[in-house]
């Protein structure tokens, strides 16, 4: 078979909220889900630590992160690509 194999790793897109740590960015993932009981759409968010080897991603950037093997106690994700650069204020 010559078909391209689909990656089993999850990818998420979120905003960098912190780049203070060395080789690590904190990414905020926001999603909108329906409340189980009341049916109202509510916003839920999660923060993930992602590995950024070169330190190229800065606070405010929208980036894509991909699941990987555990890199440290809290890092299981790798920053893969820049989706949108932070707008200069």
C-alpha atoms as a PDB file:
ATOM      1  CA  UNK A   1       0.000   0.000   0.000  1.00  0.00           C
ATOM      2  CA  UNK A   2       1.238   3.464  -0.857  1.00  0.00           C
ATOM      3  CA  UNK A   3      -1.360   5.413   1.139  1.00  0.00           C
ATOM      4  CA  UNK A   4      -0.140   8.079   3.557  1.00  0.00           C
ATOM      5  CA  UNK A   5      -0.579   6.871   7.131  1.00  0.00           C
ATOM      6  CA  UNK A   6      -2.663   9.201   9.307  1.00  0.00           C
ATOM      7  CA  UNK A   7      -0.892  10.340  12.456  1.00  0.00           C
ATOM      8  CA  UNK A   8      -2.420   8.993  15.656  1.00  0.00           C
ATOM      9  CA  UNK A   9      -1.062  11.921  17.659  1.00  0.00           C
ATOM     10  CA  UNK A  10      -3.538  14.577  18.770  1.00  0.00           C
ATOM     11  CA  UNK A  11      -3.042  18.172  17.677  1.00  0.00           C
ATOM     12  CA  UNK A  12      -4.524  21.259  19.309  1.00  0.00           C
ATOM     13  CA  UNK A  13      -4.454  24.960  18.462  1.00  0.00           C
ATOM     14  CA  UNK A  14      -4.204  27.560  21.218  1.00  0.00           C
ATOM     15  CA  UNK A  15      -2.708  30.812  22.416  1.00  0.00           C
ATOM     16  CA  UNK A  16       0.676  31.131  24.120  1.00  0.00           C
ATOM     17  CA  UNK A  17       0.070  32.699  27.546  1.00  0.00           C
ATOM     18  CA  UNK A  18       3.594  32.356  28.944  1.00  0.00           C
ATOM     19  CA  UNK A  19       7.080  32.000  27.458  1.00  0.00           C
ATOM     20  CA  UNK A  20       9.063  32.680  30.639  1.00  0.00           C
ATOM     21  CA  UNK A  21      10.470  29.163  31.047  1.00  0.00           C
ATOM     22  CA  UNK A  22      13.459  27.909  29.100  1.00  0.00           C
ATOM     23  CA  UNK A  23      12.418  25.814  26.050  1.00  0.00           C
ATOM     24  CA  UNK A  24       8.812  25.715  27.298  1.00  0.00           C
ATOM     25  CA  UNK A  25       5.664  27.635  26.404  1.00  0.00           C
ATOM     26  CA  UNK A  26       2.341  27.502  28.226  1.00  0.00           C
ATOM     27  CA  UNK A  27      -0.559  27.198  25.780  1.00  0.00           C
ATOM     28  CA  UNK A  28      -4.194  27.991  26.617  1.00  0.00           C
ATOM     29  CA  UNK A  29      -6.694  25.832  24.717  1.00  0.00           C
ATOM     30  CA  UNK A  30     -10.244  27.178  24.753  1.00  0.00           C
ATOM     31  CA  UNK A  31     -13.232  25.151  23.594  1.00  0.00           C
ATOM     32  CA  UNK A  32     -16.987  25.545  23.670  1.00  0.00           C
ATOM     33  CA  UNK A  33     -19.078  22.592  24.834  1.00  0.00           C
ATOM     34  CA  UNK A  34     -22.712  22.001  25.635  1.00  0.00           C
ATOM     35  CA  UNK A  35     -23.502  21.655  29.358  1.00  0.00           C
ATOM     36  CA  UNK A  36     -24.590  18.062  30.081  1.00  0.00           C
ATOM     37  CA  UNK A  37     -27.672  18.922  32.152  1.00  0.00           C
ATOM     38  CA  UNK A  38     -28.764  22.396  31.082  1.00  0.00           C
ATOM     39  CA  UNK A  39     -27.786  22.359  27.412  1.00  0.00           C
ATOM     40  CA  UNK A  40     -26.190  25.811  27.524  1.00  0.00           C
ATOM     41  CA  UNK A  41     -22.985  26.366  25.559  1.00  0.00           C
ATOM     42  CA  UNK A  42     -20.171  27.080  28.021  1.00  0.00           C
ATOM     43  CA  UNK A  43     -16.505  27.896  27.492  1.00  0.00           C
ATOM     44  CA  UNK A  44     -13.946  25.502  28.917  1.00  0.00           C
ATOM     45  CA  UNK A  45     -10.192  25.980  28.893  1.00  0.00           C
ATOM     46  CA  UNK A  46      -7.075  23.938  29.590  1.00  0.00           C
ATOM     47  CA  UNK A  47      -3.423  24.911  29.853  1.00  0.00           C
ATOM     48  CA  UNK A  48      -0.683  22.699  28.471  1.00  0.00           C
ATOM     49  CA  UNK A  49       3.090  23.000  28.697  1.00  0.00           C
ATOM     50  CA  UNK A  50       4.664  22.489  25.278  1.00  0.00           C
ATOM     51  CA  UNK A  51       8.300  21.997  24.325  1.00  0.00           C
ATOM     52  CA  UNK A  52       9.731  24.868  22.248  1.00  0.00           C
ATOM     53  CA  UNK A  53      13.342  23.958  21.483  1.00  0.00           C
ATOM     54  CA  UNK A  54      14.314  27.186  19.706  1.00  0.00           C
ATOM     55  CA  UNK A  55      12.272  29.630  21.804  1.00  0.00           C
ATOM     56  CA  UNK A  56      10.629  31.076  18.685  1.00  0.00           C
ATOM     57  CA  UNK A  57       7.073  31.350  20.068  1.00  0.00           C
ATOM     58  CA  UNK A  58       6.157  34.425  22.101  1.00  0.00           C
ATOM     59  CA  UNK A  59       3.220  35.426  24.316  1.00  0.00           C
ATOM     60  CA  UNK A  60       0.082  36.051  22.263  1.00  0.00           C
ATOM     61  CA  UNK A  61       0.996  33.780  19.329  1.00  0.00           C
ATOM     62  CA  UNK A  62      -1.542  31.200  18.128  1.00  0.00           C
ATOM     63  CA  UNK A  63       0.312  27.904  17.720  1.00  0.00           C
ATOM     64  CA  UNK A  64      -0.350  24.246  17.044  1.00  0.00           C
ATOM     65  CA  UNK A  65       0.837  21.666  19.578  1.00  0.00           C
ATOM     66  CA  UNK A  66       1.187  17.928  19.033  1.00  0.00           C
ATOM     67  CA  UNK A  67       1.083  15.153  21.598  1.00  0.00           C
ATOM     68  CA  UNK A  68       4.426  13.434  22.255  1.00  0.00           C
ATOM     69  CA  UNK A  69       6.240  11.241  24.714  1.00  0.00           C
ATOM     70  CA  UNK A  70       6.718  12.709  28.210  1.00  0.00           C
ATOM     71  CA  UNK A  71       9.548  15.254  28.056  1.00  0.00           C
ATOM     72  CA  UNK A  72       9.395  16.272  31.720  1.00  0.00           C
ATOM     73  CA  UNK A  73       7.020  15.970  34.668  1.00  0.00           C
ATOM     74  CA  UNK A  74       4.500  18.361  33.110  1.00  0.00           C
ATOM     75  CA  UNK A  75       5.438  18.409  29.390  1.00  0.00           C
ATOM     76  CA  UNK A  76       3.767  15.914  27.041  1.00  0.00           C
ATOM     77  CA  UNK A  77       3.305  18.241  24.069  1.00  0.00           C
ATOM     78  CA  UNK A  78       5.584  19.761  21.413  1.00  0.00           C
ATOM     79  CA  UNK A  79       4.966  23.125  19.710  1.00  0.00           C
ATOM     80  CA  UNK A  80       4.888  22.285  15.997  1.00  0.00           C
ATOM     81  CA  UNK A  81       3.936  25.374  13.995  1.00  0.00           C
ATOM     82  CA  UNK A  82       2.961  29.022  14.170  1.00  0.00           C
ATOM     83  CA  UNK A  83      -0.665  29.577  13.141  1.00  0.00           C
ATOM     84  CA  UNK A  84      -0.872  33.330  13.738  1.00  0.00           C
ATOM     85  CA  UNK A  85       1.692  35.841  15.014  1.00  0.00           C
ATOM     86  CA  UNK A  86       0.716  38.025  17.974  1.00  0.00           C
ATOM     87  CA  UNK A  87      -0.498  41.440  16.887  1.00  0.00           C
ATOM     88  CA  UNK A  88       1.763  44.318  17.980  1.00  0.00           C
ATOM     89  CA  UNK A  89       0.002  46.636  20.430  1.00  0.00           C
END
